[in-house]
Protein backbone atom coordinates (compact mmCIF):
# COMPACT_ATOMS: atom_id res chain seq x y z
CA MET A 1 2.83 19.32 -43.47
CA ILE A 2 6.00 17.02 -43.06
CA ASN A 3 4.71 15.32 -46.95
CA THR A 4 5.16 19.10 -48.41
CA SER A 5 8.54 20.03 -47.13
CA ILE A 6 9.44 16.16 -48.01
CA CYS A 7 8.18 17.17 -51.87
CA ALA A 8 9.74 20.61 -51.42
CA LEU A 9 13.15 19.41 -50.52
CA LEU A 10 12.92 16.24 -53.36
CA SER A 11 12.05 19.34 -55.55
CA SER A 12 15.14 21.22 -54.62
CA PHE A 13 17.25 18.21 -55.55
CA GLN A 14 15.72 17.46 -58.34
CA ASP A 15 16.22 21.98 -59.44
CA LEU A 16 20.20 21.13 -58.14
CA TRP A 17 20.37 18.38 -60.59
CA GLN A 18 18.97 20.15 -63.96
CA LEU A 19 21.63 22.70 -63.29
CA ASP A 20 24.73 20.62 -62.91
CA THR A 21 23.74 18.74 -66.12
CA VAL A 22 23.27 22.73 -67.81
CA ARG A 23 26.12 24.00 -66.42
CA ALA A 24 28.18 20.90 -67.34
CA THR A 25 26.84 21.34 -70.85
CA ILE A 26 27.79 24.35 -71.11
CA LEU A 27 31.44 23.91 -70.14
CA GLN A 28 31.66 21.66 -72.53
CA HIS A 29 30.56 24.09 -75.55
CA GLY A 30 32.17 26.82 -74.23
CA MET A 31 31.51 30.64 -75.42
CA ALA A 32 30.14 31.00 -78.77
CA SER A 33 32.39 32.47 -80.69
CA SER A 34 31.03 35.66 -82.50
CA THR A 35 31.96 34.94 -85.88
CA ASP A 36 29.37 31.44 -85.36
CA SER A 37 26.31 32.61 -86.55
CA PRO A 38 26.31 34.73 -89.88
CA ASP A 39 23.14 37.10 -88.61
CA ALA A 40 25.61 38.21 -85.63
CA HIS A 41 25.19 41.63 -84.57
CA GLN A 42 27.96 43.50 -86.67
CA GLY A 43 27.91 46.83 -84.51
CA SER A 44 29.92 47.83 -81.30
CA HIS A 45 28.59 45.60 -79.25
CA THR A 46 30.25 42.34 -79.99
CA SER A 47 30.40 41.11 -76.22
CA SER A 48 28.64 37.91 -75.14
CA THR A 49 28.67 38.69 -71.24
CA LEU A 50 26.37 42.22 -69.99
CA GLN A 51 26.15 43.35 -67.32
CA VAL A 52 23.07 45.04 -64.77
CA ASP A 53 23.49 47.90 -62.99
CA PHE A 54 20.50 48.96 -60.50
CA SER A 55 20.68 53.14 -59.66
CA TRP A 56 18.62 53.77 -56.63
CA LYS A 57 18.35 57.49 -56.98
CA LYS A 58 16.89 57.54 -60.57
CA TYR A 59 15.33 53.76 -59.59
CA GLN A 60 16.36 52.23 -63.00
CA SER A 61 19.14 50.19 -64.01
CA HIS A 62 21.75 50.15 -67.13
CA ILE A 63 22.36 47.03 -69.20
CA SER A 64 25.77 47.71 -71.01
CA SER A 65 28.66 45.43 -71.97
CA ALA A 66 30.31 43.24 -69.10
CA TYR A 67 33.72 44.85 -70.52
CA GLU A 68 32.48 48.22 -71.01
CA PRO A 69 30.20 48.93 -68.11
CA SER A 70 30.33 52.93 -68.84
CA ASN A 71 28.35 52.51 -72.25
CA PRO A 72 24.97 51.38 -72.07
CA ILE A 73 23.31 49.52 -73.99
CA TYR A 74 19.36 49.37 -72.56
CA ILE A 75 17.39 51.82 -70.00
CA VAL A 76 15.55 49.83 -67.97
CA LYS A 77 12.67 51.71 -65.92
CA TYR A 78 10.76 50.31 -63.59
CA LYS A 79 7.12 50.95 -62.36
CA THR A 80 5.04 49.73 -59.45
CA TRP A 81 1.64 50.82 -59.74
CA ARG A 82 0.86 50.70 -63.93
CA SER A 83 1.36 48.43 -66.09
CA PRO A 84 3.96 47.51 -68.02
CA HIS A 85 6.08 46.88 -64.74
CA ILE A 86 9.17 46.91 -66.75
CA ILE A 87 10.22 48.63 -69.77
CA VAL A 88 13.33 48.47 -71.72
CA LYS A 89 15.03 51.07 -73.77
CA SER A 90 17.75 51.38 -75.71
CA ALA A 91 19.93 53.65 -74.63
CA THR A 92 21.19 55.35 -77.48
CA SER A 93 18.15 56.10 -79.19
CA ASP A 94 15.94 56.07 -76.26
CA VAL A 95 13.18 53.69 -78.94
CA THR A 96 11.39 50.95 -76.72
CA ILE A 97 13.39 47.52 -76.97
CA GLY A 98 10.67 45.85 -74.98
CA THR A 99 8.28 45.81 -71.96
CA GLY A 100 7.21 43.41 -69.34
CA THR A 101 3.66 43.16 -66.80
CA LEU A 102 3.67 41.21 -63.94
CA HIS A 103 -0.05 40.06 -62.19
CA ALA A 104 -0.80 39.86 -58.53
CA ILE A 105 -2.20 36.40 -58.96
CA SER A 106 -1.42 34.93 -61.91
CA ILE A 107 2.01 33.00 -61.69
CA ASN A 108 2.28 33.94 -65.80
CA ALA A 109 4.59 37.02 -66.87
CA ASP A 110 3.36 39.29 -70.11
CA TYR A 111 6.03 40.41 -72.52
CA THR A 112 6.92 42.62 -75.92
CA ILE A 113 9.22 42.87 -77.61
CA HIS A 114 9.47 45.81 -80.71
CA GLY A 115 6.00 45.58 -80.18
CA ARG A 116 4.91 41.90 -80.57
CA LYS A 117 3.20 40.13 -77.47
CA GLY A 118 4.66 36.77 -76.08
CA LYS A 119 4.03 35.10 -72.65
CA LEU A 120 6.30 33.31 -70.21
CA LYS A 121 3.97 30.51 -68.86
CA ALA A 122 4.63 28.52 -65.96
CA LEU A 123 5.89 24.60 -66.92
CA LYS A 124 5.03 23.78 -62.97
CA ARG A 125 3.46 24.84 -60.32
CA TRP A 126 5.74 24.74 -57.65
CA LYS A 127 9.27 25.19 -59.56
CA THR A 128 11.02 27.52 -61.19
CA GLU A 129 10.26 26.41 -65.09
CA TYR A 130 8.63 28.38 -67.56
CA THR A 131 8.40 28.33 -71.60
CA HIS A 132 8.35 31.13 -74.13
CA LEU A 133 8.10 31.50 -77.85
CA SER A 134 10.49 32.57 -79.79
CA GLU A 135 11.04 34.70 -83.31
CA ALA A 136 14.96 35.19 -81.96
CA TYR A 137 16.03 31.74 -82.31
CA ALA A 138 13.35 30.18 -84.85
CA THR A 139 14.48 28.78 -87.99
CA PRO A 140 14.03 31.04 -91.03
CA HIS A 141 10.57 30.21 -92.78
CA SER A 142 9.17 28.02 -89.74
CA SER A 143 7.40 28.64 -86.44
CA PRO A 144 8.59 30.36 -83.37
CA ALA A 145 11.33 28.39 -80.77
CA THR A 146 9.81 26.84 -78.25
CA MET A 147 11.98 28.03 -75.25
CA ARG A 148 12.29 26.71 -71.92
CA TRP A 149 13.87 28.28 -68.32
CA THR A 150 14.99 26.63 -65.38
CA SER A 151 16.56 27.86 -62.26
CA SER A 152 18.35 27.41 -59.56
CA SER A 153 20.26 29.93 -55.88
CA ASN A 154 23.13 28.96 -54.42
CA PHE A 155 23.83 31.83 -51.26
CA LYS A 156 25.55 34.37 -53.65
CA THR A 157 23.39 33.93 -57.16
CA TRP A 158 19.95 33.11 -58.59
CA ASP A 159 20.87 31.33 -62.12
CA PHE A 160 17.88 31.25 -64.79
CA ILE A 161 18.89 29.53 -67.64
CA CYS A 162 17.21 29.50 -70.84
CA LEU A 163 17.63 26.12 -73.54
CA ASP A 164 16.60 25.88 -76.81
CA GLU A 165 14.10 23.15 -78.71
CA GLN A 166 17.52 21.13 -77.90
CA GLN A 167 17.97 21.46 -74.64
CA MET A 168 20.99 23.35 -74.85
CA PRO A 169 21.36 26.17 -72.74
CA VAL A 170 21.68 30.05 -75.02
CA ALA A 171 21.03 32.33 -71.90
CA LYS A 172 22.02 32.63 -67.73
CA PHE A 173 20.59 35.70 -66.29
CA SER A 174 22.59 35.55 -63.49
CA ALA A 175 20.78 37.70 -60.49
CA ASN A 176 23.86 38.67 -57.14
CA TRP A 177 22.02 38.33 -53.94
CA TRP A 178 24.14 40.76 -52.21
CA GLY A 179 24.74 43.45 -55.73
CA ILE A 180 24.15 46.97 -54.25
CA LYS A 181 24.65 47.77 -58.08
CA ASN A 182 25.67 45.38 -60.29
CA THR A 183 22.72 43.54 -59.51
CA ALA A 184 22.92 40.99 -62.35
CA ASN A 185 24.79 39.52 -65.50
CA ILE A 186 23.32 37.74 -68.41
CA GLU A 187 25.79 35.38 -70.15
CA PHE A 188 24.63 34.46 -74.26
CA LEU A 189 26.10 30.89 -75.50
CA GLY A 190 25.72 29.33 -78.70
CA PRO A 191 25.42 30.47 -82.06
CA LYS A 192 23.31 33.16 -81.84
CA ALA A 193 25.30 34.68 -78.60
CA THR A 194 26.39 37.84 -80.50
CA SER A 195 22.85 37.69 -82.37
CA GLU A 196 21.07 41.28 -81.50
CA ALA A 197 17.98 39.80 -81.84
CA ALA A 198 18.77 36.98 -79.86
CA ARG A 199 19.87 39.89 -76.84
CA ASP A 200 16.46 41.80 -77.02
CA GLU A 201 14.81 38.77 -76.25
CA ILE A 202 17.11 37.74 -73.53
CA VAL A 203 17.43 40.90 -71.85
CA VAL A 204 13.74 40.63 -71.97
CA THR A 205 12.15 37.58 -71.20
CA GLY A 206 15.37 37.26 -67.92
CA LEU A 207 14.08 40.77 -66.26
CA THR A 208 10.52 39.49 -67.02
CA LEU A 209 10.78 36.40 -65.73
CA PHE A 210 13.59 37.41 -62.77
CA TYR A 211 10.72 40.14 -61.11
CA CYS A 212 7.77 37.47 -61.33
CA MET A 213 10.00 35.22 -59.17
CA VAL A 214 10.36 38.23 -56.86
CA LEU A 215 7.17 39.22 -56.78
CA ARG A 216 6.27 35.59 -56.82
CA ILE A 217 7.93 35.07 -53.33
CA ASN A 218 6.90 38.23 -51.75
CA ASN A 219 3.53 38.06 -52.93
CA LEU A 220 0.25 35.38 -50.80
CA GLY A 221 -2.02 36.07 -54.21
CA SER A 222 1.31 34.05 -56.11
CA LEU A 223 0.27 31.24 -53.56
CA PHE A 224 -2.94 31.33 -54.76
CA GLY A 225 -2.53 31.59 -58.68
CA ALA A 226 -0.13 27.93 -58.75
CA ILE A 227 -2.73 26.38 -57.08
CA PHE A 228 -5.17 27.11 -59.36
CA ALA A 229 -2.78 27.37 -62.52
CA ARG A 230 -3.13 25.39 -65.24
CA PRO A 231 0.92 24.77 -66.12
CA GLY A 232 2.25 23.38 -69.64
CA PRO A 233 3.30 24.20 -72.92
CA ILE A 234 1.70 27.05 -74.49
CA LYS A 235 -1.09 25.74 -76.86
CA GLU A 236 -2.33 27.00 -79.85
CA GLY A 237 -4.05 30.25 -79.50
CA GLU A 238 -3.37 30.67 -76.15
CA GLN A 239 -1.40 33.21 -76.43
CA GLU A 240 -3.68 35.70 -77.48
CA GLY A 241 -2.06 38.77 -80.35
CA SER A 242 1.47 36.46 -80.15
CA GLY A 243 3.38 37.43 -83.19
CA LYS A 244 1.13 40.73 -83.41
CA LYS A 245 2.57 44.29 -83.28
CA THR A 246 1.10 45.71 -80.29
CA GLY A 247 1.75 49.33 -81.65
CA THR A 248 4.13 50.74 -78.92
CA GLU A 249 7.09 49.94 -81.80
CA ASN A 250 9.48 52.69 -81.57
CA ARG A 251 8.12 54.43 -78.57
CA LYS A 252 9.77 57.42 -77.15
CA ASP A 253 6.91 58.34 -74.34
CA VAL A 254 6.73 55.58 -72.27
């Protein structure tokens, strides 16, 4: 028991050290300008920061620009007992942008983005460190980019940092411990800070990872899932159906 506590404490210090390194990198490079990216979204939503507002009455979230909170970009619906458990829709067209599916025992999670299947796979058993394969951050005519998520928390927020293949931060999902309505903020960094494809991907994967970790904290089955998990990078062929359409894109009936 004592050895387990010491290992957990050392792991926490390592998480904090990693987060400090990432924060220093963020401060050094700053938030990217909307003119940095040739594929930046040219619509009305060019903010590099989104806020997530939860409605207890409707049991759903509205995600909007931090500068235009009254004009939602996404609507997120939650289903407790039926998968997919997280459904992200366009607030203007009601088209399904993506979904997230959690598991009672496995510490990995599955998602779809515009009908393409993907997996959030744990890199460590006892640390919040995950990976996913990205179409949005891949260079043209190449394989999907391998992204890495790391996290740490303090008294106020639980931060999830997404790093690209060069280990540069591209987004930060900050969940507010004490938020009743404003439950999270999502910041986008780097040359794709205003890319619509990158925004869709981070919103879907960030929400899925956050609720995956909430489930792990509150679910005894996830403890056994971590014990028997095979953490590590996503291997070729492991992510069955990755990059293939699920047939659910443009759905309006979810």
